[in-house]
């Protein structure tokens, strides 16, 4: 485990250097303009990794930061917003560079659920007879073998590394999030390796922990690590900062 309460300080860049290889699928937690691991995204860009694939259920500043560099080989997301549609995301969708894999929120969650269960795929009832299977090779129209109903067979999405930003981490490595978890609980179960950046050290209260230390590989304290997105209860969205991305 990386830096955290009761452990020697380790630079975020060093942790990411060890965790993220060229070509990795890196998934980011949080949702839209809340709890986005932007500091981690900036450090990944500084590391100069190549051919990264990035994923976020509801992306924002972290995906825009990654798309500002030529290291990204593809993006998985149901959408990327800043104060409107994110410009680099819009450009990627319009030009196909880098390629975008478009998901609905439901199918993205199903792909993570399949990965968390260790399954190759999961049947999903929504999205049949839509454009999604035509633009997303991870989705195939199928028939439920029990009911005969049309469904989507959703291929598991297994991140090599998941990165989330949390309010706190205790001395045992348990993670505390004082906000909607969005997809973070699924994300940490689906990923091969989990990096958590966090705002502050907190007392051990296992019953309040959002994510058990059992699912976490590295923790690094990064105050303000979600800016310019919001950290509910600590700081709000920095609209000027979003404009500077």
Protein backbone atom coordinates (compact mmCIF):
# COMPACT_ATOMS: atom_id res chain seq x y z
CA UNK A 1 0.00 0.00 0.00
CA UNK A 2 1.20 3.50 -0.80
CA UNK A 3 1.30 6.57 1.38
CA UNK A 4 -1.39 6.95 3.99
CA UNK A 5 -2.01 7.40 7.69
CA UNK A 6 0.78 5.77 9.68
CA UNK A 7 2.85 5.08 6.57
CA UNK A 8 5.81 6.94 5.03
CA UNK A 9 4.90 9.68 2.57
CA UNK A 10 5.09 8.64 -1.08
CA UNK A 11 4.64 10.99 -4.01
CA UNK A 12 1.51 10.46 -6.08
CA UNK A 13 3.59 10.37 -9.24
CA UNK A 14 5.70 7.52 -7.82
CA UNK A 15 2.59 5.52 -6.97
CA UNK A 16 1.12 6.02 -10.44
CA UNK A 17 4.48 5.27 -12.04
CA UNK A 18 4.42 1.85 -10.37
CA UNK A 19 0.71 1.23 -10.98
CA UNK A 20 0.06 2.36 -14.55
CA UNK A 21 1.84 0.81 -17.52
CA UNK A 22 1.72 1.89 -21.16
CA UNK A 23 -1.48 0.64 -22.77
CA UNK A 24 -3.35 0.27 -19.47
CA UNK A 25 -7.08 0.76 -19.07
CA UNK A 26 -7.40 3.42 -16.37
CA UNK A 27 -10.83 4.06 -14.87
CA UNK A 28 -11.68 7.20 -12.88
CA UNK A 29 -14.27 7.45 -10.12
CA UNK A 30 -16.61 10.21 -9.04
CA UNK A 31 -19.41 11.60 -11.15
CA UNK A 32 -19.55 14.62 -13.45
CA UNK A 33 -18.29 17.61 -11.41
CA UNK A 34 -17.97 15.81 -8.06
CA UNK A 35 -14.98 13.99 -6.55
CA UNK A 36 -12.99 13.70 -9.74
CA UNK A 37 -9.34 12.55 -9.28
CA UNK A 38 -7.99 15.43 -11.32
CA UNK A 39 -4.62 15.65 -9.55
CA UNK A 40 -4.01 12.01 -10.44
CA UNK A 41 -4.94 12.65 -14.08
CA UNK A 42 -2.44 15.53 -14.23
CA UNK A 43 0.29 13.31 -12.80
CA UNK A 44 -0.47 10.60 -15.34
CA UNK A 45 -0.05 13.11 -18.14
CA UNK A 46 3.27 14.25 -16.62
CA UNK A 47 4.50 10.65 -16.54
CA UNK A 48 4.26 10.46 -20.31
CA UNK A 49 2.52 7.08 -20.53
CA UNK A 50 1.54 5.99 -24.03
CA UNK A 51 -1.59 4.38 -25.51
CA UNK A 52 -3.66 4.62 -22.35
CA UNK A 53 -7.34 3.77 -22.52
CA UNK A 54 -9.41 5.77 -20.06
CA UNK A 55 -12.88 5.14 -18.66
CA UNK A 56 -15.38 7.07 -16.58
CA UNK A 57 -19.09 6.51 -16.10
CA UNK A 58 -19.79 10.26 -16.05
CA UNK A 59 -16.55 12.02 -16.87
CA UNK A 60 -15.55 15.65 -16.58
CA UNK A 61 -12.28 17.43 -15.80
CA UNK A 62 -10.18 14.29 -15.42
CA UNK A 63 -11.02 13.07 -18.93
CA UNK A 64 -10.48 16.53 -20.41
CA UNK A 65 -7.03 16.63 -18.77
CA UNK A 66 -6.16 13.24 -20.23
CA UNK A 67 -7.44 14.22 -23.68
CA UNK A 68 -5.22 17.31 -23.61
CA UNK A 69 -2.26 14.98 -24.11
CA UNK A 70 -1.66 12.59 -27.01
CA UNK A 71 -1.23 9.62 -24.68
CA UNK A 72 -4.86 8.45 -24.87
CA UNK A 73 -5.70 5.65 -27.29
CA UNK A 74 -9.40 5.42 -26.46
CA UNK A 75 -12.18 6.58 -24.13
CA UNK A 76 -15.03 4.61 -22.54
CA UNK A 77 -17.81 6.80 -21.12
CA UNK A 78 -21.50 7.60 -21.03
CA UNK A 79 -20.57 11.28 -21.39
CA UNK A 80 -18.07 13.96 -20.41
CA UNK A 81 -19.32 17.32 -19.16
CA UNK A 82 -17.76 20.51 -17.81
CA UNK A 83 -20.14 23.48 -17.74
CA UNK A 84 -21.52 22.02 -20.95
CA UNK A 85 -20.30 19.27 -23.26
CA UNK A 86 -16.54 19.01 -22.72
CA UNK A 87 -14.69 20.39 -25.80
CA UNK A 88 -12.04 17.68 -26.18
CA UNK A 89 -14.65 14.98 -25.66
CA UNK A 90 -16.84 16.58 -28.34
CA UNK A 91 -13.86 16.69 -30.71
CA UNK A 92 -13.06 13.03 -30.07
CA UNK A 93 -16.65 11.99 -30.77
CA UNK A 94 -16.81 14.04 -33.94
CA UNK A 95 -13.43 13.00 -35.36
CA UNK A 96 -12.90 9.54 -33.91
CA UNK A 97 -9.50 10.60 -32.59
CA UNK A 98 -8.98 9.13 -30.12
CA UNK A 99 -11.69 6.50 -30.59
CA UNK A 100 -14.67 6.79 -28.27
CA UNK A 101 -16.65 3.80 -26.97
CA UNK A 102 -20.08 5.18 -26.13
CA UNK A 103 -22.04 3.62 -23.27
CA UNK A 104 -25.34 4.26 -21.57
CA UNK A 105 -25.06 4.63 -17.82
CA UNK A 106 -26.79 1.30 -17.32
CA UNK A 107 -24.61 -0.71 -19.69
CA UNK A 108 -21.43 0.83 -18.25
CA UNK A 109 -22.51 -0.25 -14.76
CA UNK A 110 -23.39 -3.71 -16.10
CA UNK A 111 -19.90 -4.02 -17.61
CA UNK A 112 -18.34 -3.17 -14.25
CA UNK A 113 -20.72 -5.54 -12.46
CA UNK A 114 -19.66 -8.38 -14.74
CA UNK A 115 -16.01 -7.63 -14.01
CA UNK A 116 -16.67 -7.43 -10.26
CA UNK A 117 -18.31 -10.86 -10.40
CA UNK A 118 -15.48 -12.34 -12.43
CA UNK A 119 -17.91 -13.04 -15.29
CA UNK A 120 -17.13 -12.61 -18.98
CA UNK A 121 -20.43 -10.85 -19.62
CA UNK A 122 -23.79 -9.94 -18.13
CA UNK A 123 -27.26 -9.84 -19.64
CA UNK A 124 -28.86 -6.40 -19.54
CA UNK A 125 -32.54 -5.72 -20.32
CA UNK A 126 -32.21 -2.13 -21.61
CA UNK A 127 -30.69 -0.78 -24.81
CA UNK A 128 -32.12 -3.39 -27.17
CA UNK A 129 -33.06 -2.00 -30.61
CA UNK A 130 -31.04 1.16 -30.03
CA UNK A 131 -27.93 2.45 -31.76
CA UNK A 132 -25.68 1.41 -28.89
CA UNK A 133 -24.71 -2.09 -30.12
CA UNK A 134 -23.76 -0.53 -33.46
CA UNK A 135 -21.26 1.87 -31.89
CA UNK A 136 -20.05 -0.22 -28.96
CA UNK A 137 -18.39 -3.56 -29.71
CA UNK A 138 -18.71 -4.53 -26.02
CA UNK A 139 -22.47 -4.90 -26.50
CA UNK A 140 -24.20 -7.65 -28.46
CA UNK A 141 -27.90 -8.25 -28.93
CA UNK A 142 -28.90 -11.64 -27.55
CA UNK A 143 -31.84 -13.65 -26.27
CA UNK A 144 -32.35 -14.43 -22.60
CA UNK A 145 -32.17 -18.25 -22.51
CA UNK A 146 -34.76 -18.42 -19.69
CA UNK A 147 -37.41 -16.00 -20.90
CA UNK A 148 -36.73 -15.65 -24.62
CA UNK A 149 -36.71 -11.87 -24.19
CA UNK A 150 -34.29 -9.74 -26.23
CA UNK A 151 -31.40 -8.44 -24.13
CA UNK A 152 -27.90 -7.05 -24.47
CA UNK A 153 -24.94 -9.25 -23.61
CA UNK A 154 -22.55 -6.76 -22.00
CA UNK A 155 -18.87 -7.71 -22.01
CA UNK A 156 -17.02 -7.19 -18.72
CA UNK A 157 -14.98 -3.99 -18.49
CA UNK A 158 -11.92 -4.77 -16.36
CA UNK A 159 -9.80 -1.71 -15.54
CA UNK A 160 -6.11 -2.37 -15.03
CA UNK A 161 -6.17 0.50 -12.55
CA UNK A 162 -9.04 2.36 -10.89
CA UNK A 163 -8.38 5.79 -9.37
CA UNK A 164 -10.85 7.43 -6.99
CA UNK A 165 -10.73 10.52 -4.80
CA UNK A 166 -12.15 10.30 -1.28
CA UNK A 167 -12.77 12.50 1.72
CA UNK A 168 -10.64 10.43 4.06
CA UNK A 169 -8.61 7.31 4.75
CA UNK A 170 -7.97 5.83 8.20
CA UNK A 171 -4.80 4.23 9.54
CA UNK A 172 -6.01 0.79 8.42
CA UNK A 173 -6.53 1.96 4.84
CA UNK A 174 -10.35 2.05 4.87
CA UNK A 175 -11.85 4.73 2.64
CA UNK A 176 -14.51 7.28 3.66
CA UNK A 177 -16.67 9.10 1.13
CA UNK A 178 -19.22 11.67 2.30
CA UNK A 179 -21.10 11.78 -0.98
CA UNK A 180 -22.93 9.61 -3.47
CA UNK A 181 -20.59 6.75 -4.41
CA UNK A 182 -21.70 6.90 -8.06
CA UNK A 183 -19.94 3.76 -9.43
CA UNK A 184 -16.94 3.76 -7.10
CA UNK A 185 -17.94 0.70 -5.09
CA UNK A 186 -18.29 -1.35 -8.28
CA UNK A 187 -15.16 0.19 -9.76
CA UNK A 188 -12.87 -0.93 -6.95
CA UNK A 189 -14.24 -4.48 -7.14
CA UNK A 190 -13.85 -4.62 -10.91
CA UNK A 191 -10.30 -3.26 -11.18
CA UNK A 192 -7.05 -5.18 -10.96
CA UNK A 193 -5.44 -2.41 -8.90
CA UNK A 194 -6.97 0.47 -6.94
CA UNK A 195 -5.36 3.82 -6.14
CA UNK A 196 -7.15 6.17 -3.74
CA UNK A 197 -6.22 9.81 -3.33
CA UNK A 198 -7.81 11.51 -0.34
CA UNK A 199 -8.21 14.81 1.47
CA UNK A 200 -7.49 14.00 5.11
CA UNK A 201 -6.68 11.34 7.66
CA UNK A 202 -9.68 10.21 9.70
CA UNK A 203 -10.27 8.00 12.77
CA UNK A 204 -11.05 4.33 12.29
CA UNK A 205 -14.83 3.81 12.07
CA UNK A 206 -15.19 0.67 9.99
CA UNK A 207 -18.98 0.80 10.01
CA UNK A 208 -18.83 4.19 8.27
CA UNK A 209 -16.23 3.27 5.68
CA UNK A 210 -17.49 3.37 2.10
CA UNK A 211 -14.77 1.06 0.79
CA UNK A 212 -12.88 -1.56 2.76
CA UNK A 213 -9.10 -1.58 2.78
CA UNK A 214 -9.39 -5.09 1.30
CA UNK A 215 -10.10 -3.55 -2.11
CA UNK A 216 -7.41 -0.85 -1.97
CA UNK A 217 -3.80 -1.18 -3.10
CA UNK A 218 -2.45 2.37 -2.73
CA UNK A 219 -3.55 5.48 -0.82
CA UNK A 220 -2.00 8.92 -1.18
CA UNK A 221 -3.07 12.10 0.61
CA UNK A 222 -3.67 14.88 -1.92
CA UNK A 223 -5.51 17.85 -0.46
CA UNK A 224 -7.55 19.57 -3.15
CA UNK A 225 -7.06 16.53 -5.37
CA UNK A 226 -10.49 16.85 -6.99
CA UNK A 227 -10.19 20.54 -7.96
CA UNK A 228 -11.48 22.17 -10.08
CA UNK A 229 -14.39 19.76 -9.51
CA UNK A 230 -16.22 19.81 -6.20
CA UNK A 231 -15.47 17.88 -3.03
CA UNK A 232 -18.84 17.99 -1.25
CA UNK A 233 -18.53 19.50 2.21
CA UNK A 234 -15.00 20.76 1.55
CA UNK A 235 -14.95 22.86 -1.62
CA UNK A 236 -17.18 23.73 -4.54
CA UNK A 237 -16.71 23.64 -8.29
CA UNK A 238 -14.09 26.13 -9.49
CA UNK A 239 -15.73 27.47 -12.64
CA UNK A 240 -12.65 29.49 -13.59
CA UNK A 241 -10.48 26.44 -13.11
CA UNK A 242 -12.71 24.42 -15.42
CA UNK A 243 -12.37 27.13 -18.04
CA UNK A 244 -8.57 26.87 -17.86
CA UNK A 245 -8.54 23.17 -18.74
